């Protein structure tokens, strides 16, 4: 089975054929469990419902806790876990947004809103622009000329 690692070798990517994404994850889990200790498998692309699928390995104790928590809420364990993951991701996004807003508010006593906006635009544009050639000097000169504010 072809596997590829990311640059820091903390993640693997595998292409695995199956009749559905869920079957692919289960089959891959079955094959990889013999070779590697993997906590979570996930699909790389969303399925037809727009969901990224997860296959999580639980200990027996954790499975028992999950089953009890789901039963207490009248849900299936998979539905309970899916809802918990979505809520955690949404909570993290709200936290990051609040932190960014606080950091921006901290800038306003020393900088005008226009300066903060212009600087943010410059940073975002520079971050998204791929290098244009072997010489970084010419690219830097174009950037500074393109982002000068009156």
N, C-alpha and C. Protein backbone atom coordinates (compact mmCIF):
# COMPACT_ATOMS: atom_id res chain seq x y z
N UNK A 1 0.85 -1.16 0.00
CA UNK A 1 0.00 0.00 0.00
C UNK A 1 0.90 1.23 0.00
N UNK A 2 0.68 2.19 -0.90
CA UNK A 2 1.52 3.38 -0.97
C UNK A 2 1.24 4.33 0.19
N UNK A 3 2.29 4.73 0.88
CA UNK A 3 2.19 5.69 1.97
C UNK A 3 3.14 6.84 1.70
N UNK A 4 2.75 8.04 2.09
CA UNK A 4 3.62 9.21 1.97
C UNK A 4 3.54 9.98 3.28
N UNK A 5 4.67 10.53 3.73
CA UNK A 5 4.69 11.30 4.97
C UNK A 5 4.70 12.79 4.66
N UNK A 6 4.27 13.59 5.65
CA UNK A 6 4.43 15.03 5.52
C UNK A 6 5.88 15.37 5.90
N UNK A 7 6.26 16.63 5.81
CA UNK A 7 7.66 17.01 5.98
C UNK A 7 8.21 16.70 7.37
N UNK A 8 7.40 16.82 8.42
CA UNK A 8 7.93 16.53 9.75
C UNK A 8 7.62 15.10 10.21
N UNK A 9 7.11 14.30 9.29
CA UNK A 9 6.85 12.87 9.50
C UNK A 9 5.90 12.59 10.67
N UNK A 10 4.96 13.48 10.90
CA UNK A 10 3.95 13.25 11.93
C UNK A 10 2.65 12.73 11.35
N UNK A 11 2.50 12.80 10.04
CA UNK A 11 1.28 12.34 9.38
C UNK A 11 1.64 11.51 8.16
N UNK A 12 0.78 10.55 7.88
CA UNK A 12 0.92 9.72 6.69
C UNK A 12 -0.27 9.96 5.78
N UNK A 13 -0.07 9.81 4.49
CA UNK A 13 -1.17 9.84 3.55
C UNK A 13 -1.14 8.53 2.79
N UNK A 14 -2.31 7.94 2.64
CA UNK A 14 -2.42 6.69 1.89
C UNK A 14 -3.59 6.80 0.94
N UNK A 15 -3.46 6.19 -0.21
CA UNK A 15 -4.56 6.09 -1.16
C UNK A 15 -5.05 4.65 -1.06
N UNK A 16 -6.34 4.52 -0.76
CA UNK A 16 -6.89 3.18 -0.53
C UNK A 16 -8.26 3.09 -1.18
N UNK A 17 -8.40 2.21 -2.12
CA UNK A 17 -9.67 2.07 -2.83
C UNK A 17 -10.69 1.27 -2.04
N UNK A 18 -11.95 1.66 -2.15
CA UNK A 18 -13.06 0.95 -1.52
C UNK A 18 -14.36 1.46 -2.13
N UNK A 19 -15.47 0.81 -1.79
CA UNK A 19 -16.76 1.22 -2.33
C UNK A 19 -17.28 2.51 -1.72
N UNK A 20 -16.77 2.87 -0.53
CA UNK A 20 -17.19 4.12 0.11
C UNK A 20 -16.03 4.63 0.96
N UNK A 21 -16.05 5.93 1.30
CA UNK A 21 -14.99 6.46 2.17
C UNK A 21 -14.93 5.75 3.53
N UNK A 22 -16.10 5.44 4.08
CA UNK A 22 -16.13 4.74 5.37
C UNK A 22 -15.48 3.37 5.30
N UNK A 23 -15.77 2.65 4.23
CA UNK A 23 -15.15 1.33 4.04
C UNK A 23 -13.65 1.46 3.84
N UNK A 24 -13.25 2.49 3.13
CA UNK A 24 -11.81 2.70 2.92
C UNK A 24 -11.10 2.91 4.25
N UNK A 25 -11.70 3.73 5.13
CA UNK A 25 -11.09 3.97 6.43
C UNK A 25 -11.02 2.70 7.27
N UNK A 26 -12.12 1.94 7.29
CA UNK A 26 -12.14 0.71 8.09
C UNK A 26 -11.12 -0.30 7.57
N UNK A 27 -11.05 -0.44 6.26
CA UNK A 27 -10.11 -1.38 5.67
C UNK A 27 -8.67 -0.94 5.91
N UNK A 28 -8.41 0.34 5.76
CA UNK A 28 -7.07 0.86 6.00
C UNK A 28 -6.68 0.68 7.47
N UNK A 29 -7.63 0.92 8.37
CA UNK A 29 -7.37 0.72 9.80
C UNK A 29 -6.98 -0.74 10.03
N UNK A 30 -7.73 -1.65 9.45
CA UNK A 30 -7.45 -3.08 9.63
C UNK A 30 -6.04 -3.43 9.15
N UNK A 31 -5.63 -2.89 8.01
CA UNK A 31 -4.31 -3.18 7.47
C UNK A 31 -3.19 -2.50 8.25
N UNK A 32 -3.41 -1.24 8.65
CA UNK A 32 -2.34 -0.49 9.31
C UNK A 32 -2.17 -0.85 10.78
N UNK A 33 -3.23 -1.29 11.44
CA UNK A 33 -3.12 -1.63 12.86
C UNK A 33 -2.05 -2.68 13.11
N UNK A 34 -1.79 -3.54 12.14
CA UNK A 34 -0.75 -4.56 12.29
C UNK A 34 0.64 -3.96 12.19
N UNK A 35 0.75 -2.77 11.57
CA UNK A 35 2.07 -2.20 11.29
C UNK A 35 2.45 -1.00 12.16
N UNK A 36 1.46 -0.15 12.44
CA UNK A 36 1.75 1.13 13.09
C UNK A 36 0.72 1.47 14.16
N UNK A 37 1.13 2.17 15.20
CA UNK A 37 0.14 2.67 16.17
C UNK A 37 -0.46 3.99 15.66
N UNK A 38 -1.64 3.93 15.09
CA UNK A 38 -2.28 5.12 14.53
C UNK A 38 -3.53 5.44 15.35
N UNK A 39 -3.63 6.69 15.81
CA UNK A 39 -4.76 7.11 16.63
C UNK A 39 -5.99 7.45 15.79
N UNK A 40 -5.78 8.23 14.73
CA UNK A 40 -6.89 8.74 13.95
C UNK A 40 -6.59 8.61 12.46
N UNK A 41 -7.58 8.11 11.73
CA UNK A 41 -7.54 8.13 10.27
C UNK A 41 -8.63 9.09 9.82
N UNK A 42 -8.37 9.82 8.77
CA UNK A 42 -9.36 10.75 8.27
C UNK A 42 -9.33 10.78 6.75
N UNK A 43 -10.48 11.07 6.15
CA UNK A 43 -10.51 11.24 4.71
C UNK A 43 -9.89 12.60 4.40
N UNK A 44 -9.27 12.70 3.25
CA UNK A 44 -8.62 13.96 2.87
C UNK A 44 -9.62 14.95 2.30
N UNK A 45 -10.61 14.42 1.60
CA UNK A 45 -11.63 15.27 0.98
C UNK A 45 -12.98 14.98 1.62
N UNK A 46 -13.85 15.97 1.68
CA UNK A 46 -15.21 15.73 2.21
C UNK A 46 -15.97 14.74 1.34
N UNK A 47 -16.91 14.02 1.97
CA UNK A 47 -17.75 13.08 1.23
C UNK A 47 -18.89 13.83 0.54
N UNK A 48 -19.85 13.12 -0.02
CA UNK A 48 -20.94 13.76 -0.76
C UNK A 48 -21.81 14.64 0.14
N UNK A 49 -21.79 14.39 1.45
CA UNK A 49 -22.55 15.22 2.39
C UNK A 49 -21.71 16.39 2.91
N UNK A 50 -20.49 16.54 2.39
CA UNK A 50 -19.63 17.64 2.81
C UNK A 50 -18.90 17.37 4.12
N UNK A 51 -18.86 16.13 4.56
CA UNK A 51 -18.23 15.79 5.83
C UNK A 51 -16.88 15.11 5.61
N UNK A 52 -15.92 15.45 6.44
CA UNK A 52 -14.66 14.73 6.48
C UNK A 52 -14.86 13.61 7.48
N UNK A 53 -14.56 12.39 7.08
CA UNK A 53 -14.80 11.24 7.95
C UNK A 53 -13.58 10.94 8.81
N UNK A 54 -13.83 10.54 10.06
CA UNK A 54 -12.77 10.17 11.00
C UNK A 54 -12.95 8.72 11.39
N UNK A 55 -11.84 8.05 11.62
CA UNK A 55 -11.84 6.71 12.17
C UNK A 55 -10.88 6.80 13.35
N UNK A 56 -11.42 6.73 14.57
CA UNK A 56 -10.64 6.95 15.78
C UNK A 56 -10.47 5.64 16.53
N UNK A 57 -9.25 5.36 16.97
CA UNK A 57 -8.98 4.15 17.76
C UNK A 57 -9.14 4.50 19.24
N UNK A 58 -10.02 3.79 19.93
CA UNK A 58 -10.26 4.01 21.35
C UNK A 58 -9.80 2.81 22.17
N UNK A 59 -9.36 3.09 23.38
CA UNK A 59 -9.12 2.00 24.32
C UNK A 59 -10.48 1.49 24.79
N UNK A 60 -10.52 0.33 25.41
CA UNK A 60 -11.79 -0.19 25.93
C UNK A 60 -12.39 0.76 26.95
N UNK A 61 -11.55 1.32 27.80
CA UNK A 61 -12.04 2.25 28.84
C UNK A 61 -12.65 3.49 28.20
N UNK A 62 -11.99 4.03 27.19
CA UNK A 62 -12.52 5.22 26.51
C UNK A 62 -13.80 4.89 25.77
N UNK A 63 -13.87 3.73 25.15
CA UNK A 63 -15.08 3.30 24.47
C UNK A 63 -16.24 3.21 25.46
N UNK A 64 -15.98 2.70 26.65
CA UNK A 64 -17.01 2.59 27.68
C UNK A 64 -17.52 3.97 28.11
N UNK A 65 -16.58 4.91 28.29
CA UNK A 65 -16.97 6.29 28.66
C UNK A 65 -17.80 6.91 27.55
N UNK A 66 -17.37 6.73 26.31
CA UNK A 66 -18.10 7.27 25.16
C UNK A 66 -19.50 6.67 25.07
N UNK A 67 -19.61 5.36 25.24
CA UNK A 67 -20.92 4.70 25.19
C UNK A 67 -21.85 5.23 26.28
N UNK A 68 -21.32 5.41 27.48
CA UNK A 68 -22.13 5.91 28.60
C UNK A 68 -22.58 7.35 28.36
N UNK A 69 -21.68 8.19 27.88
CA UNK A 69 -22.03 9.59 27.63
C UNK A 69 -23.07 9.70 26.53
N UNK A 70 -22.93 8.88 25.49
CA UNK A 70 -23.90 8.89 24.39
C UNK A 70 -25.25 8.39 24.88
N UNK A 71 -25.27 7.32 25.67
CA UNK A 71 -26.53 6.77 26.19
C UNK A 71 -27.23 7.79 27.09
N UNK A 72 -26.46 8.52 27.87
CA UNK A 72 -27.04 9.53 28.77
C UNK A 72 -27.75 10.64 27.98
N UNK A 73 -27.33 10.86 26.76
CA UNK A 73 -27.96 11.89 25.90
C UNK A 73 -28.89 11.28 24.87
N UNK A 74 -29.07 9.97 24.94
CA UNK A 74 -29.98 9.30 24.01
C UNK A 74 -29.47 9.29 22.59
N UNK A 75 -28.17 9.23 22.40
CA UNK A 75 -27.57 9.25 21.07
C UNK A 75 -26.74 8.00 20.84
N UNK A 76 -26.51 7.72 19.57
CA UNK A 76 -25.56 6.66 19.23
C UNK A 76 -24.15 7.20 19.50
N UNK A 77 -23.20 6.34 19.89
CA UNK A 77 -21.85 6.82 20.16
C UNK A 77 -21.23 7.59 18.99
N UNK A 78 -21.43 7.11 17.75
CA UNK A 78 -20.85 7.81 16.59
C UNK A 78 -21.45 9.20 16.44
N UNK A 79 -22.76 9.33 16.65
CA UNK A 79 -23.41 10.64 16.54
C UNK A 79 -22.95 11.57 17.66
N UNK A 80 -22.83 11.01 18.87
CA UNK A 80 -22.36 11.80 20.01
C UNK A 80 -20.95 12.33 19.74
N UNK A 81 -20.07 11.45 19.26
CA UNK A 81 -18.69 11.85 18.99
C UNK A 81 -18.63 12.88 17.86
N UNK A 82 -19.42 12.66 16.81
CA UNK A 82 -19.43 13.61 15.69
C UNK A 82 -19.86 15.00 16.16
N UNK A 83 -20.90 15.04 16.95
CA UNK A 83 -21.38 16.34 17.46
C UNK A 83 -20.32 16.99 18.36
N UNK A 84 -19.68 16.18 19.21
CA UNK A 84 -18.65 16.72 20.10
C UNK A 84 -17.47 17.29 19.32
N UNK A 85 -17.07 16.62 18.25
CA UNK A 85 -15.95 17.11 17.43
C UNK A 85 -16.33 18.41 16.73
N UNK A 86 -17.52 18.46 16.14
CA UNK A 86 -17.97 19.68 15.46
C UNK A 86 -18.05 20.84 16.45
N UNK A 87 -18.60 20.60 17.63
CA UNK A 87 -18.69 21.66 18.64
C UNK A 87 -17.31 22.13 19.08
N UNK A 88 -16.36 21.21 19.22
CA UNK A 88 -15.00 21.59 19.63
C UNK A 88 -14.32 22.43 18.55
N UNK A 89 -14.50 22.05 17.28
CA UNK A 89 -13.91 22.83 16.18
C UNK A 89 -14.53 24.23 16.13
N UNK A 90 -15.85 24.32 16.29
CA UNK A 90 -16.51 25.63 16.29
C UNK A 90 -16.06 26.47 17.48
N UNK A 91 -15.91 25.84 18.64
CA UNK A 91 -15.46 26.55 19.84
C UNK A 91 -14.04 27.09 19.63
N UNK A 92 -13.17 26.28 19.03
CA UNK A 92 -11.80 26.72 18.77
C UNK A 92 -11.78 27.89 17.78
N UNK A 93 -12.62 27.85 16.77
CA UNK A 93 -12.69 28.94 15.80
C UNK A 93 -13.16 30.23 16.47
N UNK A 94 -14.17 30.13 17.33
CA UNK A 94 -14.64 31.33 18.05
C UNK A 94 -13.55 31.88 18.96
N UNK A 95 -12.81 30.99 19.62
CA UNK A 95 -11.72 31.43 20.50
C UNK A 95 -10.64 32.15 19.71
N UNK A 96 -10.25 31.59 18.56
CA UNK A 96 -9.23 32.24 17.73
C UNK A 96 -9.71 33.61 17.25
N UNK A 97 -10.98 33.71 16.88
CA UNK A 97 -11.53 34.98 16.42
C UNK A 97 -11.51 36.01 17.54
N UNK A 98 -11.90 35.58 18.75
CA UNK A 98 -11.87 36.51 19.90
C UNK A 98 -10.45 36.96 20.20
N UNK A 99 -9.48 36.04 20.14
CA UNK A 99 -8.09 36.39 20.41
C UNK A 99 -7.57 37.39 19.39
N UNK A 100 -7.91 37.19 18.12
CA UNK A 100 -7.49 38.11 17.08
C UNK A 100 -8.11 39.49 17.31
N UNK A 101 -9.38 39.53 17.67
CA UNK A 101 -10.06 40.81 17.93
C UNK A 101 -9.39 41.55 19.08
N UNK A 102 -9.02 40.83 20.12
CA UNK A 102 -8.35 41.46 21.27
C UNK A 102 -6.99 42.01 20.83
N UNK A 103 -6.26 41.25 20.04
CA UNK A 103 -4.96 41.73 19.58
C UNK A 103 -5.11 42.97 18.70
N UNK A 104 -6.13 42.98 17.86
CA UNK A 104 -6.37 44.17 17.03
C UNK A 104 -6.76 45.37 17.89
N UNK A 105 -7.61 45.14 18.88
CA UNK A 105 -8.01 46.22 19.79
C UNK A 105 -6.80 46.81 20.52
N UNK A 106 -5.84 45.94 20.86
CA UNK A 106 -4.63 46.41 21.54
C UNK A 106 -3.78 47.30 20.65
N UNK A 107 -3.89 47.15 19.33
CA UNK A 107 -3.12 47.98 18.40
C UNK A 107 -3.72 49.38 18.23
N UNK A 108 -5.01 49.51 18.40
CA UNK A 108 -5.69 50.77 18.07
C UNK A 108 -5.29 51.96 18.92
N UNK A 109 -4.90 51.82 20.19
CA UNK A 109 -4.44 53.02 20.91
C UNK A 109 -3.17 53.64 20.33
N UNK A 110 -2.35 52.84 19.65
CA UNK A 110 -1.09 53.35 19.12
C UNK A 110 -1.10 53.56 17.61
N UNK A 111 -2.12 52.99 16.91
CA UNK A 111 -2.17 53.08 15.46
C UNK A 111 -3.59 53.42 15.02
N UNK A 112 -3.69 54.10 13.90
CA UNK A 112 -5.03 54.42 13.39
C UNK A 112 -5.63 53.16 12.78
N UNK A 113 -6.96 53.09 12.72
CA UNK A 113 -7.59 51.94 12.07
C UNK A 113 -7.11 51.76 10.63
N UNK A 114 -6.87 52.89 9.93
CA UNK A 114 -6.40 52.81 8.55
C UNK A 114 -5.02 52.18 8.47
N UNK A 115 -4.13 52.53 9.42
CA UNK A 115 -2.79 51.95 9.44
C UNK A 115 -2.85 50.44 9.71
N UNK A 116 -3.69 50.03 10.65
CA UNK A 116 -3.83 48.61 10.98
C UNK A 116 -4.37 47.86 9.77
N UNK A 117 -5.38 48.41 9.11
CA UNK A 117 -5.96 47.76 7.93
C UNK A 117 -4.95 47.66 6.79
N UNK A 118 -4.22 48.75 6.53
CA UNK A 118 -3.23 48.74 5.45
C UNK A 118 -2.12 47.72 5.75
N UNK A 119 -1.69 47.67 6.98
CA UNK A 119 -0.64 46.72 7.35
C UNK A 119 -1.14 45.28 7.22
N UNK A 120 -2.36 45.04 7.68
CA UNK A 120 -2.93 43.69 7.57
C UNK A 120 -3.05 43.29 6.11
N UNK A 121 -3.49 44.20 5.27
CA UNK A 121 -3.61 43.90 3.84
C UNK A 121 -2.25 43.58 3.24
N UNK A 122 -1.23 44.35 3.62
CA UNK A 122 0.13 44.11 3.12
C UNK A 122 0.62 42.72 3.54
N UNK A 123 0.44 42.39 4.79
CA UNK A 123 0.90 41.08 5.29
C UNK A 123 0.16 39.96 4.57
N UNK A 124 -1.15 40.10 4.40
CA UNK A 124 -1.92 39.05 3.73
C UNK A 124 -1.53 38.90 2.27
N UNK A 125 -1.36 40.01 1.59
CA UNK A 125 -0.96 39.95 0.18
C UNK A 125 0.43 39.36 0.02
N UNK A 126 1.36 39.74 0.88
CA UNK A 126 2.71 39.19 0.81
C UNK A 126 2.71 37.70 1.14
N UNK A 127 1.88 37.30 2.05
CA UNK A 127 1.82 35.89 2.46
C UNK A 127 1.27 35.00 1.36
N UNK A 128 0.33 35.49 0.60
CA UNK A 128 -0.32 34.69 -0.44
C UNK A 128 0.42 34.70 -1.77
N UNK A 129 1.31 35.63 -1.98
CA UNK A 129 2.00 35.76 -3.27
C UNK A 129 3.16 34.78 -3.33
N UNK A 130 3.15 33.88 -4.31
CA UNK A 130 4.29 32.95 -4.44
C UNK A 130 5.50 33.69 -4.97
N UNK A 131 6.70 33.21 -4.63
CA UNK A 131 7.90 33.85 -5.18
C UNK A 131 7.88 33.80 -6.70
N UNK A 132 8.34 34.87 -7.35
CA UNK A 132 8.22 34.95 -8.80
C UNK A 132 9.48 34.52 -9.54
N UNK A 133 10.53 34.27 -8.85
CA UNK A 133 11.73 33.86 -9.58
C UNK A 133 12.88 33.63 -8.63
N UNK A 134 14.07 33.37 -9.19
CA UNK A 134 15.21 33.05 -8.34
C UNK A 134 15.72 34.25 -7.55
N UNK A 135 15.48 35.45 -8.03
CA UNK A 135 15.97 36.64 -7.33
C UNK A 135 14.91 37.19 -6.40
N UNK A 136 15.13 37.10 -5.10
CA UNK A 136 14.18 37.63 -4.13
C UNK A 136 14.22 39.15 -4.06
N UNK A 137 15.32 39.77 -4.51
CA UNK A 137 15.45 41.22 -4.43
C UNK A 137 14.43 41.90 -5.34
N UNK A 138 14.33 41.47 -6.56
CA UNK A 138 13.37 42.08 -7.48
C UNK A 138 11.95 41.89 -6.97
N UNK A 139 11.66 40.73 -6.40
CA UNK A 139 10.34 40.47 -5.86
C UNK A 139 10.05 41.40 -4.68
N UNK A 140 11.05 41.59 -3.80
CA UNK A 140 10.86 42.48 -2.66
C UNK A 140 10.61 43.91 -3.11
N UNK A 141 11.32 44.36 -4.16
CA UNK A 141 11.12 45.71 -4.65
C UNK A 141 9.72 45.88 -5.23
N UNK A 142 9.23 44.85 -5.95
CA UNK A 142 7.86 44.93 -6.49
C UNK A 142 6.84 44.99 -5.36
N UNK A 143 7.03 44.18 -4.33
CA UNK A 143 6.10 44.16 -3.21
C UNK A 143 6.01 45.52 -2.53
N UNK A 144 7.18 46.10 -2.21
CA UNK A 144 7.15 47.36 -1.50
C UNK A 144 6.55 48.45 -2.37
N UNK A 145 6.78 48.41 -3.67
CA UNK A 145 6.19 49.41 -4.55
C UNK A 145 4.68 49.22 -4.66
N UNK A 146 4.23 47.97 -4.67
CA UNK A 146 2.81 47.69 -4.84
C UNK A 146 2.01 47.98 -3.59
N UNK A 147 2.66 48.00 -2.43
CA UNK A 147 1.92 48.15 -1.18
C UNK A 147 2.20 49.44 -0.45
N UNK A 148 2.69 50.42 -1.16
CA UNK A 148 2.93 51.71 -0.49
C UNK A 148 1.60 52.42 -0.31
N UNK A 149 1.42 52.97 0.87
CA UNK A 149 0.19 53.71 1.14
C UNK A 149 0.50 55.18 1.18
N UNK A 150 -0.41 56.00 0.64
CA UNK A 150 -0.13 57.44 0.60
C UNK A 150 -0.12 58.05 1.98
